[in-house]
Amino acid sequence: MALKTFNLDETVYKKYSSHCKKEGISMSKQIERFIGEEVIRIEQSKGRIIDSEVVKKSPSLKTLSSEHPMHKFC
């Protein structure tokens, strides 16, 4: 597990943090899922085989929707 620091717009962060707290969602897991989905999209767009370890860690990544989990905030 890696601890990373990101610079985020304060308003966006507060809104998403509030949403996660209200819904009992782990913000870290949501960010990890978003990044995992982006990695898969990148690999697929380049015609590469997706690393099974990425998918194994997040089974929900096996079937991707056309929208990522943070589409409302982008």
C-alpha atoms as a PDB file:
ATOM      1  CA  MET A   1       0.000   0.000   0.000  1.00  0.00           C
ATOM      2  CA  ALA A   2       1.344   3.387  -0.946  1.00  0.00           C
ATOM      3  CA  LEU A   3       0.515   6.687   0.712  1.00  0.00           C
ATOM      4  CA  LYS A   4       0.297   9.428  -1.916  1.00  0.00           C
ATOM      5  CA  THR A   5      -0.465  13.122  -1.792  1.00  0.00           C
ATOM      6  CA  PHE A   6      -2.632  14.826  -4.384  1.00  0.00           C
ATOM      7  CA  ASN A   7      -3.496  18.453  -4.968  1.00  0.00           C
ATOM      8  CA  LEU A   8      -7.250  18.725  -5.394  1.00  0.00           C
ATOM      9  CA  ASP A   9      -9.710  21.535  -5.812  1.00  0.00           C
ATOM     10  CA  GLU A  10     -11.031  22.143  -2.313  1.00  0.00           C
ATOM     11  CA  THR A  11     -14.673  22.429  -3.370  1.00  0.00           C
ATOM     12  CA  VAL A  12     -14.575  19.176  -5.331  1.00  0.00           C
ATOM     13  CA  TYR A  13     -12.789  17.403  -2.472  1.00  0.00           C
ATOM     14  CA  LYS A  14     -15.306  18.600   0.128  1.00  0.00           C
ATOM     15  CA  LYS A  15     -18.301  17.612  -1.994  1.00  0.00           C
ATOM     16  CA  TYR A  16     -16.929  14.155  -2.732  1.00  0.00           C
ATOM     17  CA  SER A  17     -15.772  13.648   0.849  1.00  0.00           C
ATOM     18  CA  SER A  18     -19.241  14.553   2.094  1.00  0.00           C
ATOM     19  CA  HIS A  19     -20.813  12.149  -0.401  1.00  0.00           C
ATOM     20  CA  CYS A  20     -18.502   9.319   0.663  1.00  0.00           C
ATOM     21  CA  LYS A  21     -19.197   9.895   4.369  1.00  0.00           C
ATOM     22  CA  LYS A  22     -22.943  10.040   3.782  1.00  0.00           C
ATOM     23  CA  GLU A  23     -22.904   6.807   1.760  1.00  0.00           C
ATOM     24  CA  GLY A  24     -20.341   5.007   3.955  1.00  0.00           C
ATOM     25  CA  ILE A  25     -17.911   4.766   1.045  1.00  0.00           C
ATOM     26  CA  SER A  26     -14.137   4.650   1.391  1.00  0.00           C
ATOM     27  CA  MET A  27     -12.758   7.585  -0.584  1.00  0.00           C
ATOM     28  CA  SER A  28      -9.404   5.820  -0.898  1.00  0.00           C
ATOM     29  CA  LYS A  29     -11.048   2.756  -2.427  1.00  0.00           C
ATOM     30  CA  GLN A  30     -12.997   4.958  -4.847  1.00  0.00           C
ATOM     31  CA  ILE A  31      -9.778   6.674  -5.963  1.00  0.00           C
ATOM     32  CA  GLU A  32      -8.032   3.299  -6.277  1.00  0.00           C
ATOM     33  CA  ARG A  33     -10.930   1.958  -8.360  1.00  0.00           C
ATOM     34  CA  PHE A  34     -10.889   5.042 -10.597  1.00  0.00           C
ATOM     35  CA  ILE A  35      -7.147   4.725 -11.209  1.00  0.00           C
ATOM     36  CA  GLY A  36      -7.501   0.980 -11.843  1.00  0.00           C
ATOM     37  CA  GLU A  37     -10.226   1.602 -14.411  1.00  0.00           C
ATOM     38  CA  GLU A  38      -8.096   4.233 -16.115  1.00  0.00           C
ATOM     39  CA  VAL A  39      -5.142   1.808 -16.286  1.00  0.00           C
ATOM     40  CA  ILE A  40      -7.395  -0.780 -17.924  1.00  0.00           C
ATOM     41  CA  ARG A  41      -8.779   1.776 -20.395  1.00  0.00           C
ATOM     42  CA  ILE A  42      -5.250   2.847 -21.326  1.00  0.00           C
ATOM     43  CA  GLU A  43      -4.099  -0.736 -21.785  1.00  0.00           C
ATOM     44  CA  GLN A  44      -7.175  -1.604 -23.857  1.00  0.00           C
ATOM     45  CA  SER A  45      -6.766   1.465 -26.064  1.00  0.00           C
ATOM     46  CA  LYS A  46      -3.217   0.360 -26.836  1.00  0.00           C
ATOM     47  CA  GLY A  47      -4.340  -3.181 -27.587  1.00  0.00           C
ATOM     48  CA  ARG A  48      -2.439  -4.569 -24.633  1.00  0.00           C
ATOM     49  CA  ILE A  49      -3.432  -7.489 -22.446  1.00  0.00           C
ATOM     50  CA  ILE A  50      -4.727  -6.297 -19.091  1.00  0.00           C
ATOM     51  CA  ASP A  51      -2.647  -7.235 -16.054  1.00  0.00           C
ATOM     52  CA  SER A  52      -4.711  -9.849 -14.223  1.00  0.00           C
ATOM     53  CA  GLU A  53      -3.403  -8.565 -10.876  1.00  0.00           C
ATOM     54  CA  VAL A  54      -5.145  -5.214 -11.440  1.00  0.00           C
ATOM     55  CA  VAL A  55      -8.441  -6.948 -12.186  1.00  0.00           C
ATOM     56  CA  LYS A  56      -7.994  -9.486  -9.389  1.00  0.00           C
ATOM     57  CA  LYS A  57      -7.642  -6.721  -6.793  1.00  0.00           C
ATOM     58  CA  SER A  58     -10.851  -5.072  -7.990  1.00  0.00           C
ATOM     59  CA  PRO A  59     -13.296  -7.633  -9.395  1.00  0.00           C
ATOM     60  CA  SER A  60     -15.666  -4.807 -10.318  1.00  0.00           C
ATOM     61  CA  LEU A  61     -13.147  -3.778 -12.975  1.00  0.00           C
ATOM     62  CA  LYS A  62     -13.855  -6.875 -15.066  1.00  0.00           C
ATOM     63  CA  THR A  63     -16.849  -5.176 -16.627  1.00  0.00           C
ATOM     64  CA  LEU A  64     -16.342  -1.497 -17.251  1.00  0.00           C
ATOM     65  CA  SER A  65     -19.090   0.977 -17.923  1.00  0.00           C
ATOM     66  CA  SER A  66     -18.544   3.837 -20.339  1.00  0.00           C
ATOM     67  CA  GLU A  67     -18.449   6.204 -17.360  1.00  0.00           C
ATOM     68  CA  HIS A  68     -15.861   6.045 -14.632  1.00  0.00           C
ATOM     69  CA  PRO A  69     -16.945   6.263 -10.961  1.00  0.00           C
ATOM     70  CA  MET A  70     -16.038   9.937 -10.687  1.00  0.00           C
ATOM     71  CA  HIS A  71     -17.598  11.180 -13.909  1.00  0.00           C
ATOM     72  CA  LYS A  72     -19.773  13.646 -12.006  1.00  0.00           C
ATOM     73  CA  PHE A  73     -16.692  15.366 -10.633  1.00  0.00           C
ATOM     74  CA  CYS A  74     -14.636  15.627 -13.813  1.00  0.00           C
END
